[in-house]
Every structure is written in structure tokens, then in C-alpha cells.
């Protein structure tokens, strides 16, 4: 406790000693606060709903918060929120854990369109990093199963990245141009953004932007120093046009594109660090190129008269590509990867009736997958062409569903019940999948059906409905995908995953209870949850060795649970001072096969989040355009390890990931109504630390400067 006490004293002393010259405008909030309950969210109930009226745990990170906290990536934008652990396999590869789950058990949406596809793999992956935070207006996060509304994968939670929209019509054309940049010293990085939001006519609005990012090798704390081959490059651009037929109906055409170059998984190479007993890999190079582009057309209407009060019809095409370049220790070279084109259509409708507010609709996504694998000898000659790449080649995956949800006020709106149900059909067709027993290509066809439901309740308290209690039970599920059934690729540090037959869908049942309080000075939210896990697909060692790696395969063996508590407190100490505290505790175990023996053992959930918290003291003089904030992020030692964690010696130190307490000082100011500046000194004491399960340490002492000029 001595080290934690030292950080708190330093935080209070520093905050009291620093002053900035005031300007004239109120600055952005540094982080979403519980006090912002009147905000309207759309993701939680797939309908515009006041945050105070949502019967479950929801978090919002808006544009002001993104300016104030200056996150480097989309995963970093969620860091510090309760029950969120942002694991980073590489510096360009962030994968948030939500209530104990990540990878294909969490769902990422971009403007309501699934980012997830059938190639998403178990454990952490890099795909959330392909969403550019500069093009995002706000993130809405629903914790816990959201499968009724969003289908497969929404087990730990769902995050919706809502893009920047054109300004509203004010009686004349309006043009809002923005030039922004972010620089940081720990990775000697620079990000630059140029964009425009315009209302050209009363009917036509446009948004356009381009972002360029250059990350150099990141420097860890005092002992680790520069972590070689952790930098990468990225370019992003986005374009959107909205045409308003009238005040109720609008047509949107949008496109987003991102390209990441040379993002290494450094821990798999001999450049991996030896911090706290970690073992480096033996590859010379292990580098990914990543690309994503999304185009969609959306027709939406609201406040309609008649049986349908609102509707949203979206047609989308999303292409994601992944290419791995691996140079082994003996100079043999592997080039593997895949391209996925996903066609989607969703129709969501709303209706008002004597029986409540109905949200219902259908959605359909089809993945078309090409996959390749080529291997070269040390002299550069082609030595082998694989039957498939990381997943089956010439493959298709269909995911279709229909959902229905009703919100019913009872007892003169003293209680609101929200029941819901979804039917899902999934089908896999693969023309070229490896049969590991025969070593040749075979065709694979499988399909699955699933019905899940949920029931949530909200009881507002007080005449002003400022307080509420809520509870609910919800089923989650995940259909087996191409990655489960056909993956031939590296898994953890020294493992290779091979294809398998006959897997069933994973099923989850989660209960949740919570309470919100919003007083004049104190705001608070407390939530507790318990999730039963059934038939979770887990990796199991076979005892065989394939290409110098330990072979693992998949089984529906994971029965278990995950449970936790989340707390958010905010207190207005005085007119100028505000204190915020957020924290979460989690526990979970699941049945697994920790060895090649057919013996089932109940083990910890992999990469179980340790006790984690964030505390902040904020000073903002009333009516002034500047603010200062001191933040301490802390986590206990992550020593509740699964057998898989213990084998992952390149990312998890022996005995577990050390705990940490990291101090950050930040402030912001608005100058002449047009220029927003944010200055942060992160990791003031230059600690060496990493988020549990990561393959790279977090930055050491890091000066971050972000500026956005709007004119």
C-alpha cells in the first residue's frame, strides 16, 4: 500500500500546484460521468432511449471525452471503464475484454453494422484497431449478453462506434472544417486529421476526412526501455453524404477505409522482452498487414404516423483482409492470409401500441472467404502451397436472424418490463478445408439453429425518475464459425491450432442487478452479474507436434461461470472540484483440458481480469474554459492463471502479470472558441507494466499533446 499512497499524495500535490491561463469557453468533459444520465443512447435497446431508462449497464464515450483523453486507438478509448480490460497482443493489436470475454465473444458494430465476421478467432485479435477514433462521434457499450438484439458473438457485450454526422440545418449552409493532430513522446508518434462536416443545403449534408498515423517503437518504463519493432503505419479515410427527404426521413451513403502496415507481434520474435521472466520467441519477423473498407446505404425514418413509427433499412458491404509475413529463425519464410467480403442487410422497425414500444426486425450477413498459405525455403524457393490458409479457402458463411423486443410500462410507469426473443440460423460452406488426418482438401457443410431470449426490468425511483433499480436475465450464444472449425494457424505462444469437426453453439445465461443514483452532488451506479457458461468451445492439447509447435484442437468442453461487480461513483466536492471512482472485481472458472490427457479440469477463465480501478480528481473553475485532472489507474497482480495462461510464457510472466498503479496528469483548454488543446503526462513515475495477457508493455513516461482547430 505504500506505493499507492505515494501516488495519491503526488496527485493531490501536483493538482494543487499547477495553473493554466483561462480562456472563455467551457472545455470538454474528460470522461463520461454518471452525471450524464439524460444522454440518449440507441445501442442498448436498438431504439433512442434516455440512458437513465436503460435496464442494464451501459457506458458512453462521446466526442468531448475523446478530445480530452486523447486515446491512441479505439480499444484505448474504452480503457478505464468498469469490467473492461484492453489486452494488446501487439502495439497495433488491441482487444478489449468485456466481462471476461474477448475476440469472437464480444461484438463490435460500426454504425450498427457488424465488424465481426466468421474468421474472427478465439482470444485476442487486432480487428477493433481498424476503427479510426478520429471518425467516431461516440462509442456506446452494452455490457453483458446482447444476443437478442445483435445475434451471435454478443456475449461479453457489444460496442457500437457511431460515426460523425453532418451538422443540422440552421437556415443557411454551414461548413465546419477541422484540422487536428496528436503527438506522443513514448512512441515518437504523430497522428494528423483533416476533415469537414457541412450542411450544403437543407436536404444535403456531407462528412469527409482523412487520418494519417505514424507510430515508432514504443518505449516502456524505466527498466524495459525501447521495445523494438513495435511501431507501424496506418492511413484512414471516410466519406458520408446524408440526404434528408423531409424532417423525418433520410438517406445515408457512407464509406470508411483503413490500412495498417507492418504491425508486428513482437513477442513471437527474438525481439521480445525478457521482463519479469518472459521468454522471447525465435522468429526473425512476425508482421501483419491489415485492411478494412466498409460501404453502406441506409434509409431511416422516425416519428412516423401509423403502425410503424420508425424504421432503419441498411445495405452494406465490408471487406477485411489480413496478411502475415513470418521469417523463421532458420530463414524459412511463410506468407499466409485471407480476404473476407461481407454482404449485409438489416431491417429494424419500431411500433407503438397499447402493449408497449416494439422493436423488431431481421438481419442477414454473408461472408465470402478466400484464404492462402505459401511457404518458402531458406534459399527463397517455393517449398509448399497449403490446401488452405489460416481458415478454409473458397468458403462462405451465412448468418441470418429475426428479433422481437417489447418495452411495457406497468403500474403507471412505476415498472418497465422489456422481454425479447431472437431466432438465428448459421451455415458454413467450405470448398477447400484441410482434413488433418488425410492431409488433403475436403468440402465442409454444417448449419446450426438457435433461439435465445431475455427479460429485463427497470423501476424508476422518485418523482423526477433520477434514481432507478434494474434487473434482468439474458441468454447469449455464439455459433461456431470458420475459425472454430477450419483454423490452421498459430494459437498461443508455442501452439498451433488444427481443424476439427462437429462443434455445437456456445450458450450463456446471464443475470444482472443494478442501481443508479443521481443526486445534487453524488452520482453512483452499482451493478452485479453472474453468467453461466455452457458448451463453450475451448482449445485442448492433442499431444502431437506440428511444424515444431504443440497441436491444439477445439472441443465443446467449457462449462463454468463468470461473475463480477462494477462500481462508478462521482462526487462534487465543491463548485470547482469533482472526484470520480470506477472499479470492478471479477471471478470465473470453466471446464477445460489442461493437458493432452482426456481429463476434464475446472480451471480459471483465461486472462481473468484482476481487481482493477481508476480514481480521478478534477479541477474546473466554474465558467472557465480550462480544466485539470489527476488520474490513478491501478490493478492487482493477475495470478489466477489457467493452464493456457501458464503455457503462454511469451506474454504472461511466471506466476502472473504484476500489479501496477500508474499516475496520469492531464489538462485542457479551449482558445477563442475554435482551438481545443489537451496536454497529458501519462505514467508520471515511468513504471514498467503491461495489461494482463498482452505481448507488449505499456508506454513509460509519455507526454501526449492533442490539438483540434475547427473553423
Foldseek 3Di string as FASTA:
>chain_A
DVVVVVQVVVLVVVVVPDDDDFFFFAAFDQFDALQQQQDWDCPQPVHTDRNLPRQADKGKGFPRNCQFPVAPFPLSSCPFFAQWFWFALALQATWIGFLQATWLLAWEAEQNHTPDDQQTAGDGGRSRRQDHPVFFGMKMKGAAAPCQPNNFNQGRTYIYGYGDAADADDPAKDKKWKWKKKAKDQFRKIKIKTKMWIDHDNFKIKIKMKMWIWTHFGQAFDPRGTQHQRIWIKIKIKMKMWGHPDPFKIKMKMKIKMKIFWHFSFQQDCSFDCPQNFDRHHWPTKTKIKIKMKIKMKIKGACDDDFWHIKIKMWMKMKIKMWIWTQGNQRKIKIWIKMKIKTKIWMWTWGQDLFAIKIKTKMKMKIFMAIWMWIADNVGHTDDTALGGQFAGRKMKMKMKIKMWGWGQPPNNQKIKIKMKMKMKMKIWGDFAADVVVRGGHIDIDMAIDMWMKMKMKGQDDPVSQKIKIKMKTKHKHANGRNQAGGFQADFNQETEHGDDDAGMKMKMKIKIKMWHDDPFKTKIKMKMKMWTFQDKDWAFQQDADPRGTYIHIGSFWTKMKIKMKMWMKGDPDQFKIKIKIWMAMFMWIWDHLHNDPDIDIATSALTFFTWMKIKMKGDPPSTFKIKMKMKIWGAFAQRHGSVLCVNSSFARVRGFHIDIWIKIKMWGDHPNFKIKIWMFTRVVRDWGRRTRYNDTDHGGMIMIMMMGMD
